[in-house]
Protein backbone atom coordinates (compact mmCIF):
# COMPACT_ATOMS: atom_id res chain seq x y z
CA MET A 1 76.45 133.57 105.67
CA ALA A 2 73.89 132.84 107.56
CA ILE A 3 72.14 128.75 107.76
CA LYS A 4 68.85 127.77 108.63
CA ILE A 5 68.09 125.29 111.32
CA ILE A 6 65.44 122.95 110.33
CA VAL A 7 63.79 121.27 113.36
CA PRO A 8 61.13 117.89 112.77
CA ASN A 9 58.04 119.79 114.13
CA LYS A 10 57.24 122.07 110.68
CA ASN A 11 54.70 123.61 113.25
CA PHE A 12 56.83 124.81 115.84
CA ASN A 13 56.95 128.43 116.71
CA GLY A 14 58.90 129.65 119.32
CA PHE A 15 62.43 129.64 120.80
CA ARG A 16 64.77 126.94 121.70
CA GLY A 17 68.71 127.80 122.33
CA GLY A 18 68.05 131.14 121.87
CA PHE A 19 67.29 130.84 118.13
CA LYS A 20 63.77 131.93 117.31
CA PHE A 21 61.73 129.47 114.88
CA MET A 22 58.93 130.11 112.72
CA ASN A 23 57.24 127.34 110.95
CA GLY A 24 60.26 124.90 112.01
CA ILE A 25 62.92 126.71 110.90
CA ALA A 26 65.20 129.56 112.28
CA ILE A 27 67.69 131.67 110.45
CA VAL A 28 70.81 132.16 112.48
CA GLU A 29 73.79 134.39 111.32
CA ASP A 30 76.48 132.84 113.57
CA GLU A 31 77.17 129.72 112.03
CA GLU A 32 79.20 128.28 113.75
CA LYS A 33 76.64 128.45 116.99
CA GLY A 34 74.02 127.70 114.83
CA ARG A 35 75.73 124.46 113.51
CA GLU A 36 76.73 123.10 117.26
CA PHE A 37 73.07 123.73 118.23
CA ALA A 38 72.04 121.46 115.72
CA LYS A 39 74.04 118.90 115.72
CA HIS A 40 73.94 118.21 119.56
CA PHE A 41 70.30 117.86 119.22
CA GLY A 42 70.44 116.30 115.41
CA TYR A 43 68.53 119.05 113.57
CA GLU A 44 69.34 119.58 109.59
CA ILE A 45 70.62 122.40 108.48
CA GLU A 46 70.66 124.22 104.70
CA GLU A 47 72.57 127.41 103.97
CA ASP A 48 70.50 130.26 103.30
CA LYS A 49 70.62 131.94 100.30
CA THR A 50 68.33 134.66 100.64
CA PRO A 51 69.87 137.83 99.16
CA LYS A 52 70.85 140.45 101.39
CA ASP A 53 71.59 144.48 100.92
CA GLU A 54 74.25 146.04 101.89
CA SER A 55 74.19 146.47 105.39
CA GLY A 56 73.22 142.52 105.73
CA GLU A 57 69.16 142.94 105.65
CA GLN A 58 67.59 139.93 103.73
CA VAL A 59 66.02 141.60 99.97
CA GLU A 60 62.72 140.82 99.86
CA LYS A 61 61.84 139.16 96.45
CA LYS A 62 59.54 141.06 94.27
CA THR A 63 57.45 139.87 91.92
CA ALA A 64 56.17 141.74 88.91
CA THR A 65 52.76 142.09 88.48
CA SER A 66 50.88 142.96 84.92
CA ARG A 67 47.77 144.76 85.32
CA LYS A 68 45.57 145.24 81.65
CA ARG A 69 44.00 148.64 82.20
CA ALA A 70 40.10 148.28 80.60
CA THR A 71 39.72 150.88 77.72
CA LYS A 72 36.56 151.60 76.03
CA LYS A 73 36.91 152.18 72.63
CA LYS A 74 35.51 155.81 71.34
CA GLU A 75 32.92 155.57 68.66
């Protein structure tokens, strides 16, 4: 399971310690390395509960949208 490393600056985008951060969050597959890095710098850790498919890739959650079709009444 992956973990999220969260830095205090929520606007941080870049690399630190070999991890890519977007909006202050890095998703790390190597839990041991990620936890060690976060502990060293005092960063917050959160379990990443994003669903994954069989290959381990994150599955994007799709939202259902409903559209009402405009219909004209026949006279």
